Protein backbone atom coordinates (compact mmCIF):
# COMPACT_ATOMS: atom_id res chain seq x y z
CA MET A 1 -3.14 -6.08 12.58
CA ILE A 2 -1.90 -2.63 11.85
CA LYS A 3 0.79 -1.28 13.58
CA ILE A 4 2.80 2.10 13.13
CA ASP A 5 5.35 3.88 15.71
CA ASN A 6 6.56 6.75 15.35
CA LEU A 7 6.78 6.92 11.51
CA ASP A 8 8.00 9.66 9.81
CA VAL A 9 8.14 10.30 6.17
CA TRP A 10 10.10 12.80 3.76
CA TYR A 11 9.08 14.14 0.20
CA GLY A 12 12.11 16.04 -2.17
CA ALA A 13 15.64 16.31 -0.59
CA GLY A 14 18.02 19.73 -0.15
CA ALA A 15 16.22 22.59 0.14
CA ARG A 16 13.27 21.38 -0.82
CA GLU A 17 12.43 18.72 1.41
CA THR A 18 9.81 18.30 3.68
CA HIS A 19 8.78 16.33 6.17
CA VAL A 20 5.25 15.25 5.46
CA VAL A 21 4.70 13.20 8.44
CA GLN A 22 6.34 13.19 11.72
CA GLY A 23 6.03 10.61 14.67
CA ALA A 24 2.98 8.86 13.74
CA SER A 25 1.99 5.87 16.04
CA LEU A 26 -1.44 3.93 15.33
CA HIS A 27 -2.00 0.44 16.63
CA VAL A 28 -5.39 -1.12 14.87
CA GLU A 29 -6.70 -4.38 15.57
CA ARG A 30 -7.77 -6.54 13.66
CA GLY A 31 -11.38 -6.87 12.10
CA GLN A 32 -11.06 -3.06 13.53
CA SER A 33 -12.24 -0.27 11.43
CA PHE A 34 -9.55 2.55 12.09
CA GLY A 35 -9.63 6.40 10.70
CA LEU A 36 -7.69 8.70 9.82
CA VAL A 37 -9.11 12.56 9.75
CA GLY A 38 -7.62 16.41 9.24
CA GLU A 39 -7.17 18.92 6.69
CA SER A 40 -6.20 18.09 3.14
CA GLY A 41 -1.99 17.73 3.71
CA SER A 42 -2.15 17.18 6.94
CA GLY A 43 -0.26 13.67 6.21
CA LYS A 44 -3.67 10.93 6.55
CA SER A 45 -2.92 9.04 2.34
CA THR A 46 1.48 9.65 2.92
CA ILE A 47 0.59 7.15 6.22
CA LEU A 48 -1.48 4.89 3.63
CA ARG A 49 0.98 4.95 0.90
CA ALA A 50 3.39 4.62 3.66
CA ILE A 51 2.47 1.13 4.56
CA SER A 52 2.23 0.44 0.53
CA GLY A 53 5.22 0.77 -0.45
CA LEU A 54 4.57 3.94 -2.27
CA VAL A 55 6.58 6.68 -0.47
CA PRO A 56 10.27 6.73 -1.24
CA ARG A 57 12.00 7.83 2.25
CA TRP A 58 10.76 6.94 5.44
CA GLY A 59 11.63 6.13 8.65
CA GLY A 60 10.14 4.44 11.92
CA ALA A 61 9.02 1.07 12.16
CA MET A 62 5.59 -0.52 10.11
CA SER A 63 4.43 -3.82 10.55
CA ILE A 64 0.73 -5.44 9.40
CA ASP A 65 -0.42 -8.63 10.73
CA GLY A 66 3.64 -8.95 12.35
CA ILE A 67 5.40 -9.01 8.85
CA ASP A 68 7.66 -6.13 8.98
CA ALA A 69 6.89 -3.40 6.11
CA ARG A 70 11.18 -2.84 5.09
CA ASP A 71 10.86 -6.85 4.63
CA GLY A 72 7.35 -6.26 3.20
CA HIS A 73 7.96 -3.45 0.32
CA ARG A 74 11.41 -4.83 -1.15
CA GLY A 75 12.12 -7.74 0.90
CA PRO A 76 12.08 -11.65 1.53
CA GLN A 77 8.32 -11.25 2.45
CA ARG A 78 6.84 -8.94 -0.16
CA PRO A 79 4.82 -11.79 -1.62
CA LYS A 80 3.25 -12.30 1.60
CA TYR A 81 2.96 -8.90 2.64
CA LEU A 82 0.57 -7.85 -1.10
CA ARG A 83 -1.18 -10.16 -0.06
CA LYS A 84 -2.21 -8.85 3.20
CA VAL A 85 -2.77 -5.23 2.87
CA GLN A 86 -4.43 -3.40 -0.46
CA MET A 87 -5.71 -0.24 -1.27
CA VAL A 88 -8.77 1.66 -2.51
CA PHE A 89 -7.78 4.88 -4.30
CA GLN A 90 -9.72 7.65 -3.96
CA ASP A 91 -10.52 8.28 -7.81
CA PRO A 92 -12.05 4.95 -9.13
CA PHE A 93 -11.41 6.44 -13.21
CA ALA A 94 -8.11 7.15 -12.45
CA SER A 95 -6.74 3.74 -10.36
CA LEU A 96 -8.60 1.80 -13.44
CA HIS A 97 -6.44 1.35 -17.18
CA PRO A 98 -9.09 2.94 -19.61
CA LYS A 99 -8.27 0.74 -22.37
CA ARG A 100 -8.27 -2.89 -20.15
CA LEU A 101 -11.67 -4.89 -19.44
CA VAL A 102 -12.18 -3.83 -15.77
CA GLY A 103 -12.53 -8.02 -15.56
CA GLU A 104 -9.09 -7.60 -16.63
CA ALA A 105 -8.18 -5.73 -13.88
CA ILE A 106 -9.61 -7.96 -11.17
CA SER A 107 -7.86 -11.03 -12.51
CA GLU A 108 -4.68 -9.84 -13.13
CA PRO A 109 -3.50 -9.78 -9.79
CA MET A 110 -4.82 -13.01 -9.13
CA LYS A 111 -3.01 -14.50 -12.48
CA ILE A 112 0.22 -12.55 -11.30
CA ASN A 113 -0.07 -14.58 -7.80
CA LYS A 114 -1.11 -17.69 -10.19
CA MET A 115 -3.63 -18.65 -8.26
CA ASP A 116 -6.11 -21.39 -8.97
CA ASP A 117 -9.82 -21.06 -10.54
CA ILE A 118 -9.46 -17.49 -12.02
CA SER A 119 -12.39 -17.05 -13.55
CA GLU A 120 -14.66 -18.37 -11.10
CA ARG A 121 -13.41 -16.31 -8.23
CA THR A 122 -13.22 -12.97 -10.35
CA ASP A 123 -17.39 -14.02 -10.58
CA ALA A 124 -17.45 -14.36 -6.91
CA LEU A 125 -15.78 -10.99 -6.88
CA PHE A 126 -18.39 -9.44 -9.29
CA ALA A 127 -21.33 -11.15 -7.29
CA ALA A 128 -19.76 -9.75 -3.84
CA ILE A 129 -19.94 -6.35 -4.95
CA GLY A 130 -23.35 -6.20 -6.20
CA LEU A 131 -22.61 -6.79 -10.21
CA THR A 132 -23.37 -8.87 -12.81
CA PRO A 133 -20.96 -11.30 -14.53
CA SER A 134 -21.63 -9.55 -17.67
CA HIS A 135 -20.20 -6.68 -15.84
CA ARG A 136 -16.50 -8.34 -16.88
CA TYR A 137 -16.35 -7.49 -20.46
CA ARG A 138 -17.11 -3.33 -19.91
CA TYR A 139 -14.41 -0.99 -20.06
CA PRO A 140 -14.70 1.62 -17.07
CA HIS A 141 -15.71 4.50 -18.93
CA GLU A 142 -18.93 2.16 -19.53
CA LEU A 143 -19.26 2.32 -15.80
CA SER A 144 -21.19 4.67 -13.27
CA GLY A 145 -18.97 6.37 -10.60
CA GLY A 146 -19.93 4.09 -8.20
CA GLN A 147 -19.85 1.07 -10.36
CA ARG A 148 -15.98 1.97 -10.98
CA GLN A 149 -15.37 2.49 -7.78
CA ARG A 150 -17.18 -1.65 -6.91
CA ILE A 151 -14.89 -2.61 -9.44
CA ALA A 152 -12.06 -0.68 -7.68
CA ILE A 153 -12.67 -2.15 -4.47
CA ALA A 154 -13.25 -6.00 -6.26
CA ARG A 155 -9.32 -5.60 -7.40
CA ALA A 156 -8.36 -5.21 -3.86
CA LEU A 157 -9.91 -8.27 -3.08
CA ALA A 158 -8.82 -10.51 -5.04
CA LEU A 159 -5.57 -11.65 -3.34
CA GLU A 160 -7.97 -12.62 -0.57
CA PRO A 161 -6.12 -10.01 1.84
CA ASP A 162 -6.37 -9.20 5.47
CA VAL A 163 -6.34 -5.11 5.06
CA LEU A 164 -7.66 -2.38 2.99
CA LEU A 165 -6.36 0.88 2.85
CA LEU A 166 -9.26 2.92 2.31
CA ASP A 167 -8.43 6.57 0.91
CA GLU A 168 -11.05 8.57 0.50
CA PRO A 169 -13.71 6.13 -0.78
CA THR A 170 -16.83 7.99 -1.27
CA SER A 171 -15.39 11.92 -2.15
CA ALA A 172 -15.31 11.50 -5.88
CA LEU A 173 -18.85 9.92 -6.06
CA ASP A 174 -22.08 11.89 -5.85
CA VAL A 175 -23.74 11.90 -2.47
CA SER A 176 -27.04 9.77 -3.12
CA ILE A 177 -23.82 6.50 -4.56
CA GLN A 178 -22.20 7.30 -1.44
CA ALA A 179 -24.08 5.69 0.95
CA GLU A 180 -24.37 2.58 -1.63
CA ILE A 181 -20.44 2.15 -1.04
CA LEU A 182 -19.88 2.27 2.64
CA ASN A 183 -22.83 -0.09 3.23
CA LEU A 184 -21.16 -2.41 0.68
CA LEU A 185 -17.74 -2.13 2.55
CA GLU A 186 -19.19 -2.16 6.20
CA ARG A 187 -20.84 -5.46 4.76
CA LEU A 188 -17.67 -7.06 3.33
CA ARG A 189 -15.52 -6.30 6.41
CA GLN A 190 -17.81 -8.23 8.13
CA GLU A 191 -18.17 -11.30 6.30
CA ARG A 192 -14.22 -11.55 5.49
CA GLY A 193 -13.15 -10.30 8.99
CA LEU A 194 -11.04 -7.30 7.39
CA THR A 195 -9.30 -4.65 9.15
CA TYR A 196 -9.59 -1.04 7.25
CA LEU A 197 -7.63 1.82 7.91
CA ILE A 198 -10.00 4.52 6.24
CA VAL A 199 -8.21 7.93 5.20
CA SER A 200 -11.34 10.83 4.87
CA HIS A 201 -12.05 14.35 5.58
CA ASP A 202 -15.62 13.99 6.20
CA LEU A 203 -16.37 13.31 9.83
CA ALA A 204 -19.32 12.07 9.05
CA VAL A 205 -18.23 8.89 7.29
CA ILE A 206 -15.61 7.85 9.65
CA SER A 207 -18.13 7.87 12.76
CA HIS A 208 -20.47 5.91 10.44
CA MET A 209 -17.60 3.06 9.44
CA CYS A 210 -15.00 3.80 12.28
CA SER A 211 -14.99 2.86 15.98
CA ARG A 212 -11.99 4.49 16.48
CA LEU A 213 -10.04 7.72 14.20
CA ALA A 214 -7.07 9.74 15.13
CA VAL A 215 -7.18 13.42 14.06
CA MET A 216 -3.98 14.45 12.09
CA SER A 217 -2.49 18.44 11.73
CA GLN A 218 0.49 19.43 9.62
CA GLY A 219 2.20 15.88 10.22
CA ARG A 220 1.09 14.58 13.21
CA ILE A 221 -1.43 12.93 14.92
CA VAL A 222 -2.65 15.08 17.62
CA GLU A 223 -5.39 12.69 19.54
CA THR A 224 -6.92 9.24 19.07
CA LEU A 225 -10.45 8.78 20.26
CA ASP A 226 -13.39 6.61 20.09
CA ARG A 227 -16.48 6.79 18.55
CA ASP A 228 -18.60 7.63 21.25
CA VAL A 229 -16.07 10.71 22.43
CA LEU A 230 -16.67 11.68 18.35
CA ALA A 231 -20.11 12.44 18.77
CA HIS A 232 -20.66 13.89 21.56
CA GLY A 233 -17.77 16.41 21.13
CA LYS A 234 -15.63 15.72 24.38
CA ALA A 235 -12.13 15.55 22.08
CA ARG A 236 -9.40 16.66 24.24
CA GLU A 237 -7.77 18.99 21.36
CA GLN A 238 -8.61 22.41 20.98
CA TYR A 239 -7.63 21.70 16.94
CA THR A 240 -10.37 18.71 17.45
CA ARG A 241 -13.15 20.16 18.48
CA ASP A 242 -12.78 22.92 16.36
CA LEU A 243 -12.77 20.17 13.09
CA ILE A 244 -15.91 18.94 14.71
CA ALA A 245 -17.60 22.43 15.10
CA ALA A 246 -16.36 22.93 11.62
CA SER A 247 -18.57 20.01 9.92
CA ARG A 248 -21.75 20.64 11.32
């Protein structure tokens, strides 16, 4: 479902150019939940942004369900590509417009894409995330952090995508709420057959959500491993073993 080969991403130009992702490759099967872990600044979130078309310069090859990302970002396949893949950002308050009702945030993508039965679909999405239709008439500041993240998830599901890119989906939330959001995401993945690519610095989150993961350091993927290898601390690379030890 997700195929990335030799991805390079640069920011800036000239003397200020920074090579933030270097030769990254990963493949994620349909219906799988795949994690990206590493220290801050290792390039994890940049990979998600590259898939979404939110970085200006990148090299290599990327595709979602066989659709080439270059055609999907700005080419003829853009409408289909954007229906395939959506992103949930780290801070739900920053990603929602403060002066618009949250129901509008969910329904707007459907209106842009001329979908049918928008009001009914919106109510169904509120039910799917554990809120009531009455919540659609509230503003972001009237909701808790967990409720705002549920709204952000519903908005990402509005176009019925196959892939969700999750950038630290629980790091901005209280610990008491994090488990609720993770359980919601897992339920939605199973019910809707979704494929997840999850970025987190928290190995416990990745271990709970993901069957496979890649470890990043300084813009490179240093190791790809299964959850069982992570759980038993049998990583091949010293950097990964150090990361596991630091998380305990």
